């Protein structure tokens, strides 16, 4: 039985754990949340620089939120071919939970943005999926064939998760639509998993 259902709630809990420095990844996180609205309780878990003390992630409350989630969306910009150091510090701090498999059987997905159309965002999504696998989580990719959606969702064709980049300084509406779709998909899967 899903954790939030055990607590007596009727909807699954979706935690969106993300780092954003310029606000682009935060826009994606909010779009994921909008997509799940009405189908899941959503908690935005923003990783900040203040959470990192002497190089270590120190926000136990954020980690406890994920402990109770039925689904988790991981988000970070892609920097130098992988997730931002702040997200990596969060992931490293989850090692106690890994040894206890506290996040096992939780649905997980990922989203990232980079400066270029490729920009090695796939590596960031791969990192998220490996992090999820280590925790015994169940990975949720996109089920929208790239380049074939009438609404333009999944325009970069990444089945592993949402990959995007800015065009003329802003996120395309189709990418925000893909993020909302990912949130809806996570909420549906979490409901079934419960």
N, C-alpha and C. Protein backbone atom coordinates (compact mmCIF):
# COMPACT_ATOMS: atom_id res chain seq x y z
N UNK A 1 0.85 -1.19 0.00
CA UNK A 1 0.00 0.00 0.00
C UNK A 1 0.89 1.25 0.00
N UNK A 2 0.53 2.25 -0.77
CA UNK A 2 1.33 3.46 -0.87
C UNK A 2 1.38 4.19 0.47
N UNK A 3 2.51 4.85 0.70
CA UNK A 3 2.74 5.49 1.99
C UNK A 3 1.69 6.53 2.35
N UNK A 4 1.31 7.41 1.41
CA UNK A 4 0.34 8.44 1.77
C UNK A 4 -1.05 7.84 2.00
N UNK A 5 -1.34 6.72 1.38
CA UNK A 5 -2.62 6.06 1.61
C UNK A 5 -2.66 5.48 3.02
N UNK A 6 -1.52 5.00 3.52
CA UNK A 6 -1.45 4.49 4.87
C UNK A 6 -1.71 5.60 5.87
N UNK A 7 -1.33 6.81 5.52
CA UNK A 7 -1.52 7.94 6.42
C UNK A 7 -2.97 8.42 6.41
N UNK A 8 -3.83 7.81 5.58
CA UNK A 8 -5.24 8.15 5.59
C UNK A 8 -5.67 9.14 4.52
N UNK A 9 -4.78 9.55 3.65
CA UNK A 9 -5.17 10.47 2.58
C UNK A 9 -5.72 9.69 1.41
N UNK A 10 -6.48 10.34 0.57
CA UNK A 10 -7.09 9.65 -0.56
C UNK A 10 -6.27 9.78 -1.84
N UNK A 11 -5.37 10.73 -1.91
CA UNK A 11 -4.55 10.91 -3.11
C UNK A 11 -3.10 10.59 -2.79
N UNK A 12 -2.37 10.09 -3.79
CA UNK A 12 -0.94 9.84 -3.58
C UNK A 12 -0.19 11.17 -3.41
N UNK A 13 0.99 11.09 -2.81
CA UNK A 13 1.85 12.25 -2.63
C UNK A 13 2.95 12.23 -3.68
N UNK A 14 3.04 13.31 -4.45
CA UNK A 14 4.11 13.51 -5.42
C UNK A 14 5.05 14.56 -4.86
N UNK A 15 6.30 14.18 -4.64
CA UNK A 15 7.34 15.12 -4.21
C UNK A 15 8.19 15.47 -5.44
N UNK A 16 8.40 16.75 -5.64
CA UNK A 16 9.22 17.21 -6.77
C UNK A 16 10.50 17.80 -6.17
N UNK A 17 11.58 17.02 -6.23
CA UNK A 17 12.87 17.41 -5.65
C UNK A 17 13.74 17.98 -6.76
N UNK A 18 14.04 19.28 -6.67
CA UNK A 18 14.74 19.91 -7.78
C UNK A 18 15.66 21.03 -7.29
N UNK A 19 16.65 21.32 -8.13
CA UNK A 19 17.51 22.48 -7.94
C UNK A 19 17.34 23.38 -9.15
N UNK A 20 17.26 24.68 -8.92
CA UNK A 20 17.16 25.66 -10.00
C UNK A 20 17.91 26.90 -9.60
N UNK A 21 18.75 27.39 -10.48
CA UNK A 21 19.47 28.63 -10.16
C UNK A 21 18.91 29.82 -10.93
N UNK A 22 18.52 29.62 -12.20
CA UNK A 22 18.04 30.74 -13.00
C UNK A 22 16.52 30.82 -13.05
N UNK A 23 15.85 29.79 -12.55
CA UNK A 23 14.39 29.76 -12.57
C UNK A 23 13.80 28.87 -13.66
N UNK A 24 14.61 28.43 -14.61
CA UNK A 24 14.11 27.59 -15.70
C UNK A 24 13.66 26.22 -15.18
N UNK A 25 14.49 25.57 -14.39
CA UNK A 25 14.13 24.26 -13.84
C UNK A 25 12.95 24.41 -12.88
N UNK A 26 12.88 25.53 -12.19
CA UNK A 26 11.74 25.76 -11.30
C UNK A 26 10.43 25.86 -12.10
N UNK A 27 10.48 26.50 -13.27
CA UNK A 27 9.28 26.57 -14.12
C UNK A 27 8.84 25.16 -14.52
N UNK A 28 9.80 24.31 -14.84
CA UNK A 28 9.47 22.93 -15.18
C UNK A 28 8.86 22.21 -13.98
N UNK A 29 9.42 22.43 -12.78
CA UNK A 29 8.89 21.80 -11.56
C UNK A 29 7.45 22.21 -11.32
N UNK A 30 7.16 23.49 -11.52
CA UNK A 30 5.79 23.97 -11.32
C UNK A 30 4.84 23.39 -12.39
N UNK A 31 5.34 23.19 -13.61
CA UNK A 31 4.52 22.59 -14.65
C UNK A 31 4.24 21.12 -14.33
N UNK A 32 5.23 20.39 -13.79
CA UNK A 32 5.01 19.01 -13.35
C UNK A 32 3.92 19.00 -12.28
N UNK A 33 4.01 19.93 -11.35
CA UNK A 33 3.01 20.03 -10.27
C UNK A 33 1.61 20.30 -10.84
N UNK A 34 1.51 21.22 -11.81
CA UNK A 34 0.20 21.51 -12.42
C UNK A 34 -0.40 20.27 -13.08
N UNK A 35 0.45 19.49 -13.71
CA UNK A 35 -0.02 18.28 -14.38
C UNK A 35 -0.62 17.27 -13.41
N UNK A 36 -0.09 17.22 -12.19
CA UNK A 36 -0.57 16.26 -11.19
C UNK A 36 -1.72 16.81 -10.36
N UNK A 37 -1.99 18.11 -10.50
CA UNK A 37 -3.02 18.76 -9.69
C UNK A 37 -4.37 18.05 -9.83
N UNK A 38 -4.98 17.77 -8.70
CA UNK A 38 -6.27 17.09 -8.69
C UNK A 38 -6.17 15.59 -8.66
N UNK A 39 -5.00 15.05 -8.98
CA UNK A 39 -4.80 13.61 -8.95
C UNK A 39 -3.80 13.18 -7.88
N UNK A 40 -3.05 14.15 -7.36
CA UNK A 40 -2.06 13.86 -6.32
C UNK A 40 -1.87 15.10 -5.46
N UNK A 41 -1.51 14.86 -4.23
CA UNK A 41 -1.01 15.96 -3.39
C UNK A 41 0.41 16.22 -3.88
N UNK A 42 0.77 17.46 -4.04
CA UNK A 42 2.09 17.79 -4.59
C UNK A 42 2.86 18.63 -3.59
N UNK A 43 4.11 18.27 -3.37
CA UNK A 43 5.00 19.05 -2.54
C UNK A 43 6.24 19.40 -3.35
N UNK A 44 6.49 20.69 -3.52
CA UNK A 44 7.70 21.15 -4.19
C UNK A 44 8.83 21.16 -3.17
N UNK A 45 9.88 20.43 -3.46
CA UNK A 45 11.04 20.30 -2.56
C UNK A 45 12.24 20.94 -3.25
N UNK A 46 12.35 22.26 -3.15
CA UNK A 46 13.45 22.96 -3.82
C UNK A 46 14.74 22.82 -3.02
N UNK A 47 15.76 22.36 -3.66
CA UNK A 47 17.10 22.26 -3.08
C UNK A 47 17.75 23.63 -3.26
N UNK A 48 18.25 24.21 -2.17
CA UNK A 48 18.87 25.53 -2.25
C UNK A 48 20.32 25.46 -1.79
N UNK A 49 21.05 26.51 -2.12
CA UNK A 49 22.44 26.59 -1.66
C UNK A 49 22.54 26.57 -0.15
N UNK A 50 21.52 27.12 0.55
CA UNK A 50 21.51 27.12 2.01
C UNK A 50 21.37 25.74 2.61
N UNK A 51 20.92 24.76 1.80
CA UNK A 51 20.82 23.38 2.27
C UNK A 51 22.17 22.69 2.32
N UNK A 52 23.19 23.32 1.74
CA UNK A 52 24.51 22.70 1.64
C UNK A 52 25.45 23.39 2.64
N UNK A 53 25.93 22.62 3.60
CA UNK A 53 26.82 23.14 4.64
C UNK A 53 28.12 22.34 4.58
N UNK A 54 29.21 23.04 4.37
CA UNK A 54 30.52 22.40 4.23
C UNK A 54 30.48 21.28 3.19
N UNK A 55 29.78 21.53 2.09
CA UNK A 55 29.72 20.58 1.00
C UNK A 55 28.71 19.45 1.16
N UNK A 56 28.00 19.41 2.29
CA UNK A 56 27.05 18.32 2.55
C UNK A 56 25.62 18.86 2.60
N UNK A 57 24.69 18.13 1.98
CA UNK A 57 23.28 18.48 2.02
C UNK A 57 22.76 18.25 3.42
N UNK A 58 22.06 19.24 3.99
CA UNK A 58 21.65 19.19 5.40
C UNK A 58 20.18 19.51 5.62
N UNK A 59 19.30 19.10 4.72
CA UNK A 59 17.88 19.41 4.89
C UNK A 59 17.11 18.11 5.14
N UNK A 60 17.06 17.68 6.39
CA UNK A 60 16.41 16.43 6.76
C UNK A 60 14.91 16.47 6.47
N UNK A 61 14.29 17.62 6.62
CA UNK A 61 12.86 17.75 6.36
C UNK A 61 12.53 17.41 4.91
N UNK A 62 13.34 17.87 3.97
CA UNK A 62 13.13 17.57 2.56
C UNK A 62 13.25 16.07 2.32
N UNK A 63 14.26 15.44 2.90
CA UNK A 63 14.45 14.00 2.75
C UNK A 63 13.27 13.22 3.37
N UNK A 64 12.76 13.70 4.49
CA UNK A 64 11.62 13.03 5.13
C UNK A 64 10.36 13.15 4.27
N UNK A 65 10.22 14.26 3.56
CA UNK A 65 9.08 14.40 2.65
C UNK A 65 9.14 13.32 1.58
N UNK A 66 10.32 13.09 1.03
CA UNK A 66 10.48 12.05 0.01
C UNK A 66 10.24 10.67 0.61
N UNK A 67 10.64 10.48 1.88
CA UNK A 67 10.37 9.20 2.55
C UNK A 67 8.88 8.85 2.49
N UNK A 68 8.01 9.84 2.58
CA UNK A 68 6.58 9.61 2.61
C UNK A 68 5.89 9.71 1.27
N UNK A 69 6.65 9.95 0.20
CA UNK A 69 6.05 10.15 -1.12
C UNK A 69 5.74 8.83 -1.81
N UNK A 70 4.71 8.86 -2.64
CA UNK A 70 4.37 7.74 -3.51
C UNK A 70 5.08 7.85 -4.85
N UNK A 71 5.42 9.08 -5.23
CA UNK A 71 6.12 9.35 -6.48
C UNK A 71 7.05 10.54 -6.26
N UNK A 72 8.17 10.52 -6.98
CA UNK A 72 9.16 11.59 -6.88
C UNK A 72 9.61 11.98 -8.29
N UNK A 73 9.65 13.27 -8.56
CA UNK A 73 10.23 13.78 -9.79
C UNK A 73 11.53 14.48 -9.42
N UNK A 74 12.63 14.03 -10.00
CA UNK A 74 13.94 14.64 -9.78
C UNK A 74 14.19 15.66 -10.89
N UNK A 75 14.66 16.86 -10.53
CA UNK A 75 14.93 17.87 -11.53
C UNK A 75 16.19 18.66 -11.24
N UNK A 76 16.95 18.93 -12.29
CA UNK A 76 18.16 19.75 -12.18
C UNK A 76 18.54 20.23 -13.56
N UNK A 77 19.13 21.42 -13.64
CA UNK A 77 19.73 21.78 -14.92
C UNK A 77 20.92 20.86 -15.18
N UNK A 78 21.26 20.71 -16.43
CA UNK A 78 22.45 19.95 -16.80
C UNK A 78 23.62 20.92 -16.86
N UNK A 79 24.60 20.69 -16.01
CA UNK A 79 25.83 21.48 -15.98
C UNK A 79 27.00 20.56 -16.28
N UNK A 80 27.81 20.91 -17.25
CA UNK A 80 29.02 20.15 -17.55
C UNK A 80 28.74 18.65 -17.69
N UNK A 81 27.61 18.34 -18.34
CA UNK A 81 27.30 16.96 -18.67
C UNK A 81 26.62 16.16 -17.58
N UNK A 82 26.13 16.80 -16.53
CA UNK A 82 25.45 16.06 -15.47
C UNK A 82 24.62 17.00 -14.61
N UNK A 83 24.01 16.46 -13.55
CA UNK A 83 23.20 17.31 -12.67
C UNK A 83 24.08 18.32 -11.93
N UNK A 84 23.48 19.40 -11.50
CA UNK A 84 24.19 20.43 -10.74
C UNK A 84 24.76 19.83 -9.45
N UNK A 85 25.83 20.41 -8.96
CA UNK A 85 26.48 19.94 -7.73
C UNK A 85 25.51 19.96 -6.55
N UNK A 86 24.62 20.94 -6.51
CA UNK A 86 23.66 21.03 -5.41
C UNK A 86 22.72 19.82 -5.42
N UNK A 87 22.29 19.40 -6.61
CA UNK A 87 21.45 18.20 -6.69
C UNK A 87 22.26 16.97 -6.29
N UNK A 88 23.49 16.91 -6.74
CA UNK A 88 24.35 15.77 -6.41
C UNK A 88 24.56 15.67 -4.91
N UNK A 89 24.69 16.81 -4.21
CA UNK A 89 24.83 16.80 -2.75
C UNK A 89 23.58 16.21 -2.10
N UNK A 90 22.41 16.56 -2.63
CA UNK A 90 21.16 15.97 -2.15
C UNK A 90 21.18 14.45 -2.36
N UNK A 91 21.55 14.03 -3.56
CA UNK A 91 21.59 12.59 -3.87
C UNK A 91 22.56 11.86 -2.95
N UNK A 92 23.73 12.45 -2.72
CA UNK A 92 24.71 11.83 -1.82
C UNK A 92 24.15 11.69 -0.41
N UNK A 93 23.38 12.68 0.03
CA UNK A 93 22.81 12.65 1.38
C UNK A 93 21.72 11.59 1.53
N UNK A 94 21.25 11.06 0.41
CA UNK A 94 20.21 10.02 0.48
C UNK A 94 20.79 8.65 0.77
N UNK A 95 22.09 8.54 0.96
CA UNK A 95 22.73 7.23 1.11
C UNK A 95 22.23 6.45 2.33
N UNK A 96 21.89 7.13 3.43
CA UNK A 96 21.33 6.42 4.58
C UNK A 96 20.00 5.78 4.21
N UNK A 97 19.22 6.48 3.43
CA UNK A 97 17.95 5.94 2.98
C UNK A 97 18.17 4.78 2.01
N UNK A 98 19.22 4.86 1.20
CA UNK A 98 19.56 3.79 0.27
C UNK A 98 19.85 2.50 1.03
N UNK A 99 20.65 2.59 2.07
CA UNK A 99 21.01 1.37 2.81
C UNK A 99 19.80 0.74 3.49
N UNK A 100 18.79 1.53 3.76
CA UNK A 100 17.56 1.02 4.38
C UNK A 100 16.45 0.79 3.34
N UNK A 101 16.72 1.15 2.08
CA UNK A 101 15.75 1.04 0.98
C UNK A 101 14.41 1.70 1.33
N UNK A 102 14.49 2.89 1.95
CA UNK A 102 13.28 3.63 2.34
C UNK A 102 12.45 4.09 1.15
N UNK A 103 13.09 4.28 0.00
CA UNK A 103 12.37 4.78 -1.17
C UNK A 103 11.99 3.66 -2.13
N UNK A 104 12.21 2.41 -1.73
CA UNK A 104 11.91 1.27 -2.61
C UNK A 104 10.44 1.27 -3.01
N UNK A 105 10.20 0.94 -4.27
CA UNK A 105 8.87 0.82 -4.87
C UNK A 105 8.16 2.17 -5.05
N UNK A 106 8.84 3.27 -4.81
CA UNK A 106 8.31 4.60 -5.10
C UNK A 106 8.49 4.86 -6.60
N UNK A 107 7.50 5.42 -7.24
CA UNK A 107 7.61 5.77 -8.66
C UNK A 107 8.53 7.00 -8.77
N UNK A 108 9.41 7.00 -9.77
CA UNK A 108 10.35 8.11 -9.96
C UNK A 108 10.43 8.51 -11.43
N UNK A 109 10.70 9.78 -11.66
CA UNK A 109 10.89 10.32 -13.01
C UNK A 109 11.87 11.48 -12.92
N UNK A 110 12.27 12.02 -14.08
CA UNK A 110 13.22 13.12 -14.07
C UNK A 110 13.00 14.13 -15.17
N UNK A 111 13.50 15.33 -14.91
CA UNK A 111 13.43 16.40 -15.91
C UNK A 111 14.68 17.26 -15.78
N UNK A 112 15.14 17.77 -16.93
CA UNK A 112 16.35 18.59 -16.95
C UNK A 112 16.29 19.58 -18.11
N UNK A 113 17.11 20.59 -18.01
CA UNK A 113 17.24 21.57 -19.07
C UNK A 113 18.72 21.88 -19.26
N UNK A 114 19.08 22.21 -20.47
CA UNK A 114 20.47 22.55 -20.77
C UNK A 114 20.54 23.72 -21.73
N UNK A 115 21.75 24.16 -22.00
CA UNK A 115 21.94 25.33 -22.85
C UNK A 115 21.74 25.01 -24.33
N UNK A 116 21.96 23.77 -24.71
CA UNK A 116 21.89 23.38 -26.12
C UNK A 116 20.83 22.29 -26.32
N UNK A 117 20.46 22.06 -27.56
CA UNK A 117 19.43 21.07 -27.86
C UNK A 117 19.82 19.69 -27.37
N UNK A 118 21.07 19.31 -27.48
CA UNK A 118 21.51 18.05 -26.88
C UNK A 118 22.08 18.36 -25.51
N UNK A 119 23.20 19.03 -25.48
CA UNK A 119 23.76 19.53 -24.22
C UNK A 119 23.98 18.46 -23.17
N UNK A 120 23.99 17.20 -23.55
CA UNK A 120 24.22 16.07 -22.65
C UNK A 120 23.16 15.93 -21.56
N UNK A 121 21.94 16.43 -21.84
CA UNK A 121 20.84 16.25 -20.88
C UNK A 121 20.54 14.77 -20.64
N UNK A 122 20.77 13.92 -21.66
CA UNK A 122 20.51 12.49 -21.49
C UNK A 122 21.33 11.93 -20.33
N UNK A 123 22.55 12.43 -20.16
CA UNK A 123 23.37 11.93 -19.05
C UNK A 123 22.75 12.29 -17.70
N UNK A 124 22.18 13.48 -17.59
CA UNK A 124 21.51 13.87 -16.34
C UNK A 124 20.31 12.97 -16.08
N UNK A 125 19.50 12.71 -17.12
CA UNK A 125 18.36 11.81 -16.95
C UNK A 125 18.82 10.40 -16.59
N UNK A 126 19.91 9.95 -17.20
CA UNK A 126 20.47 8.63 -16.85
C UNK A 126 20.92 8.61 -15.39
N UNK A 127 21.53 9.71 -14.95
CA UNK A 127 21.95 9.80 -13.54
C UNK A 127 20.73 9.65 -12.62
N UNK A 128 19.66 10.37 -12.94
CA UNK A 128 18.44 10.27 -12.12
C UNK A 128 17.91 8.84 -12.09
N UNK A 129 17.89 8.18 -13.26
CA UNK A 129 17.34 6.81 -13.30
C UNK A 129 18.22 5.84 -12.53
N UNK A 130 19.52 6.04 -12.56
CA UNK A 130 20.42 5.17 -11.78
C UNK A 130 20.25 5.44 -10.28
N UNK A 131 20.11 6.71 -9.90
CA UNK A 131 19.83 7.04 -8.50
C UNK A 131 18.56 6.33 -8.05
N UNK A 132 17.53 6.40 -8.88
CA UNK A 132 16.26 5.73 -8.56
C UNK A 132 16.46 4.23 -8.44
N UNK A 133 17.20 3.64 -9.36
CA UNK A 133 17.43 2.19 -9.34
C UNK A 133 18.17 1.77 -8.07
N UNK A 134 19.14 2.57 -7.66
CA UNK A 134 19.87 2.25 -6.42
C UNK A 134 18.93 2.23 -5.23
N UNK A 135 17.93 3.10 -5.25
CA UNK A 135 16.98 3.17 -4.15
C UNK A 135 15.85 2.14 -4.29
N UNK A 136 15.86 1.35 -5.36
CA UNK A 136 14.79 0.38 -5.57
C UNK A 136 13.50 1.02 -6.05
N UNK A 137 13.60 2.22 -6.60
CA UNK A 137 12.43 2.94 -7.11
C UNK A 137 12.04 2.39 -8.49
N UNK A 138 10.84 2.68 -8.92
CA UNK A 138 10.31 2.24 -10.22
C UNK A 138 10.31 3.42 -11.18
N UNK A 139 11.08 3.33 -12.27
CA UNK A 139 11.27 4.47 -13.16
C UNK A 139 10.10 4.65 -14.11
N UNK A 140 9.72 5.91 -14.29
CA UNK A 140 8.63 6.31 -15.19
C UNK A 140 9.19 7.23 -16.27
N UNK A 141 9.27 6.75 -17.48
CA UNK A 141 9.72 7.58 -18.59
C UNK A 141 8.53 8.25 -19.27
N UNK A 142 8.79 8.86 -20.40
CA UNK A 142 7.72 9.46 -21.21
C UNK A 142 7.22 8.43 -22.21
N UNK A 143 5.94 8.42 -22.43
CA UNK A 143 5.37 7.52 -23.43
C UNK A 143 4.81 8.31 -24.61
N UNK A 144 5.52 9.40 -24.95
CA UNK A 144 5.14 10.23 -26.09
C UNK A 144 6.24 10.10 -27.14
N UNK A 145 5.95 9.49 -28.29
CA UNK A 145 6.99 9.39 -29.32
C UNK A 145 7.50 10.78 -29.71
N UNK A 146 8.79 10.96 -29.63
CA UNK A 146 9.38 12.26 -29.96
C UNK A 146 9.10 12.68 -31.39
N UNK A 147 8.71 13.94 -31.55
CA UNK A 147 8.48 14.49 -32.88
C UNK A 147 7.16 14.08 -33.51
N UNK A 148 6.34 13.30 -32.80
CA UNK A 148 5.09 12.82 -33.40
C UNK A 148 3.84 13.32 -32.68
N UNK A 149 4.00 14.07 -31.60
CA UNK A 149 2.85 14.54 -30.83
C UNK A 149 2.27 15.80 -31.49
N UNK A 150 0.97 15.84 -31.73
CA UNK A 150 0.38 17.03 -32.36
C UNK A 150 0.59 18.31 -31.57
N UNK A 151 0.74 18.20 -30.25
CA UNK A 151 0.96 19.38 -29.40
C UNK A 151 2.43 19.76 -29.30
N UNK A 152 3.30 18.98 -29.92
CA UNK A 152 4.74 19.28 -29.87
C UNK A 152 5.43 18.83 -28.61
N UNK A 153 4.73 18.04 -27.77
CA UNK A 153 5.36 17.56 -26.54
C UNK A 153 6.48 16.58 -26.87
N UNK A 154 7.44 16.51 -25.98
CA UNK A 154 8.63 15.67 -26.14
C UNK A 154 9.34 15.98 -27.45
N UNK A 155 9.51 17.27 -27.72
CA UNK A 155 10.08 17.70 -28.99
C UNK A 155 11.51 17.24 -29.19
N UNK A 156 12.27 17.00 -28.10
CA UNK A 156 13.64 16.52 -28.24
C UNK A 156 13.71 15.00 -28.28
N UNK A 157 12.57 14.33 -28.12
CA UNK A 157 12.52 12.89 -28.30
C UNK A 157 13.20 12.06 -27.22
N UNK A 158 13.21 12.54 -26.00
CA UNK A 158 13.82 11.78 -24.91
C UNK A 158 12.77 10.93 -24.22
N UNK A 159 12.86 9.62 -24.34
CA UNK A 159 11.90 8.73 -23.71
C UNK A 159 12.21 8.51 -22.23
N UNK A 160 13.45 8.73 -21.81
CA UNK A 160 13.86 8.49 -20.43
C UNK A 160 13.24 9.49 -19.46
N UNK A 161 12.98 10.70 -19.93
CA UNK A 161 12.41 11.77 -19.11
C UNK A 161 12.36 13.04 -19.93
N UNK A 162 12.02 14.14 -19.28
CA UNK A 162 11.92 15.41 -20.00
C UNK A 162 13.28 16.08 -20.11
N UNK A 163 13.69 16.32 -21.36
CA UNK A 163 14.89 17.10 -21.64
C UNK A 163 14.46 18.30 -22.45
N UNK A 164 14.99 19.46 -22.10
CA UNK A 164 14.62 20.68 -22.81
C UNK A 164 15.80 21.65 -22.86
N UNK A 165 15.61 22.70 -23.60
CA UNK A 165 16.56 23.82 -23.63
C UNK A 165 15.79 25.08 -24.00
N UNK A 166 16.39 26.21 -23.68
CA UNK A 166 15.74 27.49 -23.97
C UNK A 166 15.84 27.82 -25.45
N UNK A 167 14.78 28.44 -25.96
CA UNK A 167 14.80 28.98 -27.32
C UNK A 167 14.52 30.46 -27.20
N UNK A 168 15.43 31.27 -27.70
CA UNK A 168 15.33 32.73 -27.59
C UNK A 168 15.09 33.17 -26.15
N UNK A 169 15.77 32.50 -25.21
CA UNK A 169 15.74 32.90 -23.81
C UNK A 169 14.56 32.41 -22.99
N UNK A 170 13.68 31.57 -23.57
CA UNK A 170 12.56 31.07 -22.77
C UNK A 170 12.23 29.62 -23.11
N UNK A 171 11.51 28.99 -22.18
CA UNK A 171 11.07 27.62 -22.39
C UNK A 171 9.91 27.59 -23.38
N UNK A 172 9.95 26.73 -24.37
CA UNK A 172 8.80 26.59 -25.27
C UNK A 172 7.58 26.05 -24.51
N UNK A 173 6.41 26.51 -24.89
CA UNK A 173 5.17 26.03 -24.27
C UNK A 173 5.03 24.52 -24.40
N UNK A 174 5.53 23.96 -25.50
CA UNK A 174 5.44 22.51 -25.69
C UNK A 174 6.23 21.76 -24.61
N UNK A 175 7.34 22.35 -24.15
CA UNK A 175 8.13 21.70 -23.09
C UNK A 175 7.43 21.81 -21.74
N UNK A 176 6.78 22.93 -21.49
CA UNK A 176 5.99 23.06 -20.27
C UNK A 176 4.80 22.09 -20.31
N UNK A 177 4.24 21.89 -21.50
CA UNK A 177 3.19 20.89 -21.67
C UNK A 177 3.69 19.48 -21.42
N UNK A 178 4.92 19.21 -21.85
CA UNK A 178 5.52 17.89 -21.59
C UNK A 178 5.73 17.69 -20.10
N UNK A 179 6.16 18.74 -19.42
CA UNK A 179 6.36 18.66 -17.96
C UNK A 179 5.03 18.38 -17.26
N UNK A 180 3.97 19.07 -17.68
CA UNK A 180 2.65 18.83 -17.09
C UNK A 180 2.20 17.40 -17.35
N UNK A 181 2.45 16.91 -18.55
CA UNK A 181 2.09 15.53 -18.88
C UNK A 181 2.86 14.55 -17.98
N UNK A 182 4.13 14.84 -17.74
CA UNK A 182 4.93 13.97 -16.87
C UNK A 182 4.35 13.95 -15.46
N UNK A 183 3.91 15.10 -14.96
CA UNK A 183 3.27 15.14 -13.64
C UNK A 183 2.00 14.32 -13.59
N UNK A 184 1.19 14.43 -14.64
CA UNK A 184 -0.05 13.65 -14.72
C UNK A 184 0.27 12.15 -14.76
N UNK A 185 1.25 11.79 -15.57
CA UNK A 185 1.65 10.37 -15.69
C UNK A 185 2.13 9.83 -14.34
N UNK A 186 2.95 10.61 -13.63
CA UNK A 186 3.43 10.19 -12.31
C UNK A 186 2.26 9.99 -11.33
N UNK A 187 1.32 10.94 -11.34
CA UNK A 187 0.18 10.84 -10.43
C UNK A 187 -0.65 9.60 -10.73
N UNK A 188 -0.88 9.31 -12.01
CA UNK A 188 -1.64 8.13 -12.39
C UNK A 188 -0.91 6.85 -11.95
N UNK A 189 0.39 6.81 -12.20
CA UNK A 189 1.16 5.61 -11.84
C UNK A 189 1.20 5.42 -10.32
N UNK A 190 1.33 6.52 -9.59
CA UNK A 190 1.36 6.42 -8.12
C UNK A 190 0.04 5.91 -7.59
N UNK A 191 -1.06 6.31 -8.22
CA UNK A 191 -2.38 5.84 -7.81
C UNK A 191 -2.50 4.35 -8.03
N UNK A 192 -2.00 3.86 -9.15
CA UNK A 192 -2.04 2.42 -9.45
C UNK A 192 -1.14 1.63 -8.53
N UNK A 193 -0.01 2.26 -8.16
CA UNK A 193 0.99 1.58 -7.32
C UNK A 193 0.46 1.42 -5.90
N UNK A 194 -0.50 2.27 -5.50
CA UNK A 194 -1.03 2.25 -4.15
C UNK A 194 -1.99 1.13 -3.98
